PDB file of N, CA and C in Angstrom:
ATOM      1  N   MET A   1      26.980   4.901  55.077  1.00  0.00           N
ATOM      2  CA  MET A   1      26.049   5.500  54.148  1.00  0.00           C
ATOM      3  C   MET A   1      25.049   6.318  54.955  1.00  0.00           C
ATOM      4  N   ASP A   2      24.483   7.316  54.320  1.00  0.00           N
ATOM      5  CA  ASP A   2      23.487   8.114  55.004  1.00  0.00           C
ATOM      6  C   ASP A   2      22.423   8.580  54.023  1.00  0.00           C
ATOM      7  N   GLY A   3      21.398   9.227  54.567  1.00  0.00           N
ATOM      8  CA  GLY A   3      20.292   9.687  53.740  1.00  0.00           C
ATOM      9  C   GLY A   3      19.109   8.752  53.830  1.00  0.00           C
ATOM     10  N   PRO A   4      18.162   8.885  52.910  1.00  0.00           N
ATOM     11  CA  PRO A   4      16.983   8.019  52.920  1.00  0.00           C
ATOM     12  C   PRO A   4      17.335   6.587  52.521  1.00  0.00           C
ATOM     13  N   PHE A   5      16.460   5.677  52.854  1.00  0.00           N
ATOM     14  CA  PHE A   5      16.646   4.256  52.525  1.00  0.00           C
ATOM     15  C   PHE A   5      16.750   4.093  51.008  1.00  0.00           C
ATOM     16  N   PRO A   6      17.739   3.352  50.503  1.00  0.00           N
ATOM     17  CA  PRO A   6      17.973   3.229  49.053  1.00  0.00           C
ATOM     18  C   PRO A   6      17.081   2.191  48.373  1.00  0.00           C
ATOM     19  N   ILE A   7      15.778   2.349  48.468  1.00  0.00           N
ATOM     20  CA  ILE A   7      14.860   1.341  47.935  1.00  0.00           C
ATOM     21  C   ILE A   7      14.931   1.222  46.427  1.00  0.00           C
ATOM     22  N   LYS A   8      15.183   2.296  45.713  1.00  0.00           N
ATOM     23  CA  LYS A   8      15.250   2.219  44.253  1.00  0.00           C
ATOM     24  C   LYS A   8      16.344   1.279  43.801  1.00  0.00           C
ATOM     25  N   GLU A   9      17.456   1.257  44.528  1.00  0.00           N
ATOM     26  CA  GLU A   9      18.570   0.401  44.169  1.00  0.00           C
ATOM     27  C   GLU A   9      18.326  -1.059  44.538  1.00  0.00           C
ATOM     28  N   LEU A  10      17.378  -1.317  45.427  1.00  0.00           N
ATOM     29  CA  LEU A  10      17.169  -2.668  45.947  1.00  0.00           C
ATOM     30  C   LEU A  10      15.912  -3.354  45.432  1.00  0.00           C
ATOM     31  N   LYS A  11      14.952  -2.606  44.935  1.00  0.00           N
ATOM     32  CA  LYS A  11      13.617  -3.165  44.665  1.00  0.00           C
ATOM     33  C   LYS A  11      13.602  -4.286  43.632  1.00  0.00           C
ATOM     34  N   ASP A  12      14.573  -4.336  42.737  1.00  0.00           N
ATOM     35  CA  ASP A  12      14.584  -5.382  41.712  1.00  0.00           C
ATOM     36  C   ASP A  12      15.400  -6.610  42.104  1.00  0.00           C
ATOM     37  N   LEU A  13      15.935  -6.625  43.307  1.00  0.00           N
ATOM     38  CA  LEU A  13      16.741  -7.756  43.767  1.00  0.00           C
ATOM     39  C   LEU A  13      15.838  -8.819  44.386  1.00  0.00           C
ATOM     40  N   THR A  14      14.975  -9.388  43.585  1.00  0.00           N
ATOM     41  CA  THR A  14      13.934 -10.284  44.094  1.00  0.00           C
ATOM     42  C   THR A  14      14.482 -11.617  44.608  1.00  0.00           C
ATOM     43  N   ASN A  15      15.715 -11.970  44.297  1.00  0.00           N
ATOM     44  CA  ASN A  15      16.316 -13.202  44.803  1.00  0.00           C
ATOM     45  C   ASN A  15      17.153 -12.984  46.054  1.00  0.00           C
ATOM     46  N   LEU A  16      17.205 -11.758  46.545  1.00  0.00           N
ATOM     47  CA  LEU A  16      17.992 -11.421  47.720  1.00  0.00           C
ATOM     48  C   LEU A  16      17.434 -12.134  48.951  1.00  0.00           C
ATOM     49  N   GLU A  17      18.310 -12.795  49.721  1.00  0.00           N
ATOM     50  CA  GLU A  17      17.881 -13.508  50.916  1.00  0.00           C
ATOM     51  C   GLU A  17      18.345 -12.843  52.201  1.00  0.00           C
ATOM     52  N   LEU A  18      19.457 -12.126  52.165  1.00  0.00           N
ATOM     53  CA  LEU A  18      19.999 -11.468  53.342  1.00  0.00           C
ATOM     54  C   LEU A  18      20.318 -10.026  52.999  1.00  0.00           C
ATOM     55  N   LEU A  19      19.831  -9.102  53.817  1.00  0.00           N
ATOM     56  CA  LEU A  19      20.113  -7.689  53.621  1.00  0.00           C
ATOM     57  C   LEU A  19      20.537  -7.102  54.963  1.00  0.00           C
ATOM     58  N   ASP A  20      21.804  -6.701  55.052  1.00  0.00           N
ATOM     59  CA  ASP A  20      22.340  -6.117  56.271  1.00  0.00           C
ATOM     60  C   ASP A  20      22.809  -4.700  55.965  1.00  0.00           C
ATOM     61  N   LEU A  21      22.026  -3.738  56.377  1.00  0.00           N
ATOM     62  CA  LEU A  21      22.366  -2.322  56.223  1.00  0.00           C
ATOM     63  C   LEU A  21      22.470  -1.684  57.605  1.00  0.00           C
ATOM     64  N   SER A  22      22.952  -2.454  58.563  1.00  0.00           N
ATOM     65  CA  SER A  22      23.066  -1.968  59.929  1.00  0.00           C
ATOM     66  C   SER A  22      24.228  -0.994  60.074  1.00  0.00           C
ATOM     67  N   SER A  23      24.144  -0.207  61.129  1.00  0.00           N
ATOM     68  CA  SER A  23      25.209   0.731  61.529  1.00  0.00           C
ATOM     69  C   SER A  23      25.588   1.708  60.433  1.00  0.00           C
ATOM     70  N   ASN A  24      24.587   2.273  59.798  1.00  0.00           N
ATOM     71  CA  ASN A  24      24.773   3.359  58.850  1.00  0.00           C
ATOM     72  C   ASN A  24      24.079   4.589  59.423  1.00  0.00           C
ATOM     73  N   ARG A  25      23.796   5.536  58.603  1.00  0.00           N
ATOM     74  CA  ARG A  25      23.076   6.731  59.053  1.00  0.00           C
ATOM     75  C   ARG A  25      21.869   6.983  58.166  1.00  0.00           C
ATOM     76  N   PHE A  26      21.166   5.910  57.799  1.00  0.00           N
ATOM     77  CA  PHE A  26      19.950   6.083  57.020  1.00  0.00           C
ATOM     78  C   PHE A  26      18.921   6.792  57.891  1.00  0.00           C
ATOM     79  N   SER A  27      18.118   7.641  57.277  1.00  0.00           N
ATOM     80  CA  SER A  27      17.128   8.409  58.029  1.00  0.00           C
ATOM     81  C   SER A  27      15.780   8.340  57.326  1.00  0.00           C
ATOM     82  N   GLY A  28      14.787   8.941  57.939  1.00  0.00           N
ATOM     83  CA  GLY A  28      13.440   8.909  57.376  1.00  0.00           C
ATOM     84  C   GLY A  28      12.724   7.653  57.808  1.00  0.00           C
ATOM     85  N   SER A  29      11.768   7.247  57.024  1.00  0.00           N
ATOM     86  CA  SER A  29      10.980   6.055  57.371  1.00  0.00           C
ATOM     87  C   SER A  29      11.479   4.834  56.609  1.00  0.00           C
ATOM     88  N   ILE A  30      11.093   3.674  57.100  1.00  0.00           N
ATOM     89  CA  ILE A  30      11.419   2.414  56.432  1.00  0.00           C
ATOM     90  C   ILE A  30      10.264   2.095  55.489  1.00  0.00           C
ATOM     91  N   PRO A  31      10.531   1.989  54.190  1.00  0.00           N
ATOM     92  CA  PRO A  31       9.448   1.765  53.217  1.00  0.00           C
ATOM     93  C   PRO A  31       9.022   0.299  53.168  1.00  0.00           C
ATOM     94  N   GLY A  32       8.207  -0.093  54.130  1.00  0.00           N
ATOM     95  CA  GLY A  32       7.787  -1.482  54.239  1.00  0.00           C
ATOM     96  C   GLY A  32       7.097  -2.029  53.008  1.00  0.00           C
ATOM     97  N   ARG A  33       6.242  -1.244  52.398  1.00  0.00           N
ATOM     98  CA  ARG A  33       5.521  -1.735  51.208  1.00  0.00           C
ATOM     99  C   ARG A  33       6.467  -2.035  50.055  1.00  0.00           C
ATOM    100  N   GLU A  34       7.459  -1.179  49.866  1.00  0.00           N
ATOM    101  CA  GLU A  34       8.423  -1.394  48.798  1.00  0.00           C
ATOM    102  C   GLU A  34       9.310  -2.606  49.088  1.00  0.00           C
ATOM    103  N   LEU A  35       9.573  -2.867  50.358  1.00  0.00           N
ATOM    104  CA  LEU A  35      10.368  -4.036  50.726  1.00  0.00           C
ATOM    105  C   LEU A  35       9.647  -5.333  50.410  1.00  0.00           C
ATOM    106  N   SER A  36       8.340  -5.295  50.288  1.00  0.00           N
ATOM    107  CA  SER A  36       7.577  -6.522  50.025  1.00  0.00           C
ATOM    108  C   SER A  36       7.913  -7.127  48.668  1.00  0.00           C
ATOM    109  N   ASN A  37       8.601  -6.387  47.796  1.00  0.00           N
ATOM    110  CA  ASN A  37       9.053  -6.943  46.519  1.00  0.00           C
ATOM    111  C   ASN A  37      10.191  -7.937  46.696  1.00  0.00           C
ATOM    112  N   LEU A  38      10.869  -7.882  47.829  1.00  0.00           N
ATOM    113  CA  LEU A  38      11.994  -8.774  48.094  1.00  0.00           C
ATOM    114  C   LEU A  38      11.457 -10.079  48.685  1.00  0.00           C
ATOM    115  N   VAL A  39      10.761 -10.842  47.875  1.00  0.00           N
ATOM    116  CA  VAL A  39       9.964 -11.974  48.339  1.00  0.00           C
ATOM    117  C   VAL A  39      10.783 -13.118  48.925  1.00  0.00           C
ATOM    118  N   LYS A  40      12.060 -13.228  48.611  1.00  0.00           N
ATOM    119  CA  LYS A  40      12.885 -14.317  49.139  1.00  0.00           C
ATOM    120  C   LYS A  40      13.698 -13.898  50.358  1.00  0.00           C
ATOM    121  N   LEU A  41      13.499 -12.678  50.837  1.00  0.00           N
ATOM    122  CA  LEU A  41      14.277 -12.155  51.947  1.00  0.00           C
ATOM    123  C   LEU A  41      14.021 -12.969  53.211  1.00  0.00           C
ATOM    124  N   LYS A  42      15.103 -13.478  53.800  1.00  0.00           N
ATOM    125  CA  LYS A  42      15.013 -14.263  55.031  1.00  0.00           C
ATOM    126  C   LYS A  42      15.476 -13.475  56.247  1.00  0.00           C
ATOM    127  N   ALA A  43      16.431 -12.565  56.042  1.00  0.00           N
ATOM    128  CA  ALA A  43      16.969 -11.797  57.156  1.00  0.00           C
ATOM    129  C   ALA A  43      17.156 -10.338  56.737  1.00  0.00           C
ATOM    130  N   LEU A  44      16.667  -9.440  57.580  1.00  0.00           N
ATOM    131  CA  LEU A  44      16.775  -8.005  57.328  1.00  0.00           C
ATOM    132  C   LEU A  44      17.290  -7.338  58.594  1.00  0.00           C
ATOM    133  N   ASP A  45      18.449  -6.692  58.486  1.00  0.00           N
ATOM    134  CA  ASP A  45      19.042  -5.999  59.627  1.00  0.00           C
ATOM    135  C   ASP A  45      19.219  -4.527  59.278  1.00  0.00           C
ATOM    136  N   LEU A  46      18.401  -3.698  59.884  1.00  0.00           N
ATOM    137  CA  LEU A  46      18.475  -2.250  59.698  1.00  0.00           C
ATOM    138  C   LEU A  46      18.789  -1.562  61.023  1.00  0.00           C
ATOM    139  N   SER A  47      19.382  -2.287  61.937  1.00  0.00           N
ATOM    140  CA  SER A  47      19.673  -1.743  63.260  1.00  0.00           C
ATOM    141  C   SER A  47      20.759  -0.677  63.200  1.00  0.00           C
ATOM    142  N   GLY A  48      20.761   0.200  64.209  1.00  0.00           N
ATOM    143  CA  GLY A  48      21.802   1.194  64.351  1.00  0.00           C
ATOM    144  C   GLY A  48      21.802   2.279  63.293  1.00  0.00           C
ATOM    145  N   ASN A  49      20.641   2.669  62.834  1.00  0.00           N
ATOM    146  CA  ASN A  49      20.504   3.768  61.881  1.00  0.00           C
ATOM    147  C   ASN A  49      19.745   4.906  62.543  1.00  0.00           C
ATOM    148  N   ASP A  50      19.306   5.857  61.764  1.00  0.00           N
ATOM    149  CA  ASP A  50      18.531   6.986  62.289  1.00  0.00           C
ATOM    150  C   ASP A  50      17.099   6.995  61.750  1.00  0.00           C
ATOM    151  N   PHE A  51      16.550   5.804  61.483  1.00  0.00           N
ATOM    152  CA  PHE A  51      15.168   5.735  61.021  1.00  0.00           C
ATOM    153  C   PHE A  51      14.252   6.278  62.108  1.00  0.00           C
ATOM    154  N   SER A  52      13.203   6.971  61.696  1.00  0.00           N
ATOM    155  CA  SER A  52      12.283   7.546  62.671  1.00  0.00           C
ATOM    156  C   SER A  52      10.859   7.409  62.155  1.00  0.00           C
ATOM    157  N   GLY A  53       9.928   7.729  63.022  1.00  0.00           N
ATOM    158  CA  GLY A  53       8.521   7.651  62.642  1.00  0.00           C
ATOM    159  C   GLY A  53       7.982   6.244  62.770  1.00  0.00           C
ATOM    160  N   SER A  54       6.919   5.971  62.045  1.00  0.00           N
ATOM    161  CA  SER A  54       6.295   4.657  62.119  1.00  0.00           C
ATOM    162  C   SER A  54       6.855   3.732  61.045  1.00  0.00           C
ATOM    163  N   VAL A  55       6.638   2.463  61.237  1.00  0.00           N
ATOM    164  CA  VAL A  55       7.095   1.443  60.299  1.00  0.00           C
ATOM    165  C   VAL A  55       5.885   0.923  59.540  1.00  0.00           C
ATOM    166  N   GLU A  56       5.997   0.814  58.221  1.00  0.00           N
ATOM    167  CA  GLU A  56       4.916   0.231  57.421  1.00  0.00           C
ATOM    168  C   GLU A  56       4.981  -1.282  57.577  1.00  0.00           C
ATOM    169  N   LEU A  57       4.376  -1.778  58.651  1.00  0.00           N
ATOM    170  CA  LEU A  57       4.461  -3.205  58.954  1.00  0.00           C
ATOM    171  C   LEU A  57       3.714  -4.068  57.954  1.00  0.00           C
ATOM    172  N   LYS A  58       2.729  -3.509  57.287  1.00  0.00           N
ATOM    173  CA  LYS A  58       1.950  -4.317  56.342  1.00  0.00           C
ATOM    174  C   LYS A  58       2.866  -4.924  55.280  1.00  0.00           C
ATOM    175  N   GLY A  59       3.737  -4.137  54.697  1.00  0.00           N
ATOM    176  CA  GLY A  59       4.647  -4.653  53.679  1.00  0.00           C
ATOM    177  C   GLY A  59       5.639  -5.651  54.235  1.00  0.00           C
ATOM    178  N   ILE A  60       6.169  -5.364  55.419  1.00  0.00           N
ATOM    179  CA  ILE A  60       7.129  -6.278  56.038  1.00  0.00           C
ATOM    180  C   ILE A  60       6.458  -7.593  56.392  1.00  0.00           C
ATOM    181  N   CYS A  61       5.207  -7.546  56.817  1.00  0.00           N
ATOM    182  CA  CYS A  61       4.480  -8.774  57.165  1.00  0.00           C
ATOM    183  C   CYS A  61       4.188  -9.645  55.943  1.00  0.00           C
ATOM    184  N   GLU A  62       4.257  -9.087  54.765  1.00  0.00           N
ATOM    185  CA  GLU A  62       4.046  -9.870  53.550  1.00  0.00           C
ATOM    186  C   GLU A  62       5.270 -10.686  53.159  1.00  0.00           C
ATOM    187  N   LEU A  63       6.382 -10.472  53.828  1.00  0.00           N
ATOM    188  CA  LEU A  63       7.606 -11.220  53.537  1.00  0.00           C
ATOM    189  C   LEU A  63       7.521 -12.576  54.237  1.00  0.00           C
ATOM    190  N   LYS A  64       6.929 -13.542  53.583  1.00  0.00           N
ATOM    191  CA  LYS A  64       6.617 -14.847  54.173  1.00  0.00           C
ATOM    192  C   LYS A  64       7.852 -15.677  54.506  1.00  0.00           C
ATOM    193  N   ASN A  65       9.004 -15.388  53.876  1.00  0.00           N
ATOM    194  CA  ASN A  65      10.225 -16.137  54.155  1.00  0.00           C
ATOM    195  C   ASN A  65      11.066 -15.511  55.261  1.00  0.00           C
ATOM    196  N   MET A  66      10.635 -14.361  55.780  1.00  0.00           N
ATOM    197  CA  MET A  66      11.405 -13.636  56.795  1.00  0.00           C
ATOM    198  C   MET A  66      11.541 -14.470  58.062  1.00  0.00           C
ATOM    199  N   GLN A  67      12.784 -14.649  58.486  1.00  0.00           N
ATOM    200  CA  GLN A  67      13.067 -15.375  59.718  1.00  0.00           C
ATOM    201  C   GLN A  67      13.690 -14.472  60.772  1.00  0.00           C
ATOM    202  N   GLU A  68      14.421 -13.441  60.337  1.00  0.00           N
ATOM    203  CA  GLU A  68      15.083 -12.529  61.260  1.00  0.00           C
ATOM    204  C   GLU A  68      14.835 -11.083  60.831  1.00  0.00           C
ATOM    205  N   LEU A  69      14.474 -10.267  61.790  1.00  0.00           N
ATOM    206  CA  LEU A  69      14.246  -8.846  61.546  1.00  0.00           C
ATOM    207  C   LEU A  69      14.812  -8.070  62.717  1.00  0.00           C
ATOM    208  N   ASP A  70      15.765  -7.173  62.452  1.00  0.00           N
ATOM    209  CA  ASP A  70      16.355  -6.362  63.507  1.00  0.00           C
ATOM    210  C   ASP A  70      16.214  -4.890  63.146  1.00  0.00           C
ATOM    211  N   LEU A  71      15.382  -4.191  63.905  1.00  0.00           N
ATOM    212  CA  LEU A  71      15.161  -2.763  63.728  1.00  0.00           C
ATOM    213  C   LEU A  71      15.610  -1.993  64.966  1.00  0.00           C
ATOM    214  N   SER A  72      16.381  -2.620  65.812  1.00  0.00           N
ATOM    215  CA  SER A  72      16.800  -2.005  67.079  1.00  0.00           C
ATOM    216  C   SER A  72      17.725  -0.813  66.836  1.00  0.00           C
ATOM    217  N   ARG A  73      17.856  -0.001  67.858  1.00  0.00           N
ATOM    218  CA  ARG A  73      18.723   1.179  67.862  1.00  0.00           C
ATOM    219  C   ARG A  73      18.373   2.164  66.754  1.00  0.00           C
ATOM    220  N   ASN A  74      17.092   2.408  66.589  1.00  0.00           N
ATOM    221  CA  ASN A  74      16.560   3.440  65.701  1.00  0.00           C
ATOM    222  C   ASN A  74      15.613   4.298  66.524  1.00  0.00           C
ATOM    223  N   LYS A  75      14.904   5.192  65.890  1.00  0.00           N
ATOM    224  CA  LYS A  75      13.955   6.074  66.581  1.00  0.00           C
ATOM    225  C   LYS A  75      12.545   5.813  66.051  1.00  0.00           C
ATOM    226  N   LEU A  76      12.190   4.556  66.001  1.00  0.00           N
ATOM    227  CA  LEU A  76      10.924   4.145  65.401  1.00  0.00           C
ATOM    228  C   LEU A  76       9.788   4.138  66.417  1.00  0.00           C
ATOM    229  N   VAL A  77       8.574   4.308  65.887  1.00  0.00           N
ATOM    230  CA  VAL A  77       7.364   4.222  66.688  1.00  0.00           C
ATOM    231  C   VAL A  77       6.455   3.246  65.969  1.00  0.00           C
ATOM    232  N   ALA A  78       6.131   2.132  66.622  1.00  0.00           N
ATOM    233  CA  ALA A  78       5.259   1.149  65.979  1.00  0.00           C
ATOM    234  C   ALA A  78       4.678   0.215  67.042  1.00  0.00           C
ATOM    235  N   THR A  79       3.532  -0.316  66.731  1.00  0.00           N
ATOM    236  CA  THR A  79       2.921  -1.351  67.544  1.00  0.00           C
ATOM    237  C   THR A  79       2.948  -2.629  66.724  1.00  0.00           C
ATOM    238  N   ILE A  80       3.473  -3.677  67.303  1.00  0.00           N
ATOM    239  CA  ILE A  80       3.579  -4.945  66.561  1.00  0.00           C
ATOM    240  C   ILE A  80       2.580  -5.917  67.140  1.00  0.00           C
TER     241      ILE A  80
END
């Protein structure tokens, strides 16, 4: 898959626990605030894409059930 992150298709999946969208060609930024709707998410793998720019860490940090996060092999700029 390629293009921007498909948040519109995912935002209502509030019971989702695992999301693996690795090794695609998603581009643009990662919409951290919109991801905060996925309150039961335990693992998020967005590695190996073409995401660039900064990461909205505030939204990702609100995911209290998150145990695994992989953003490697992208073109991101962020301070954690």
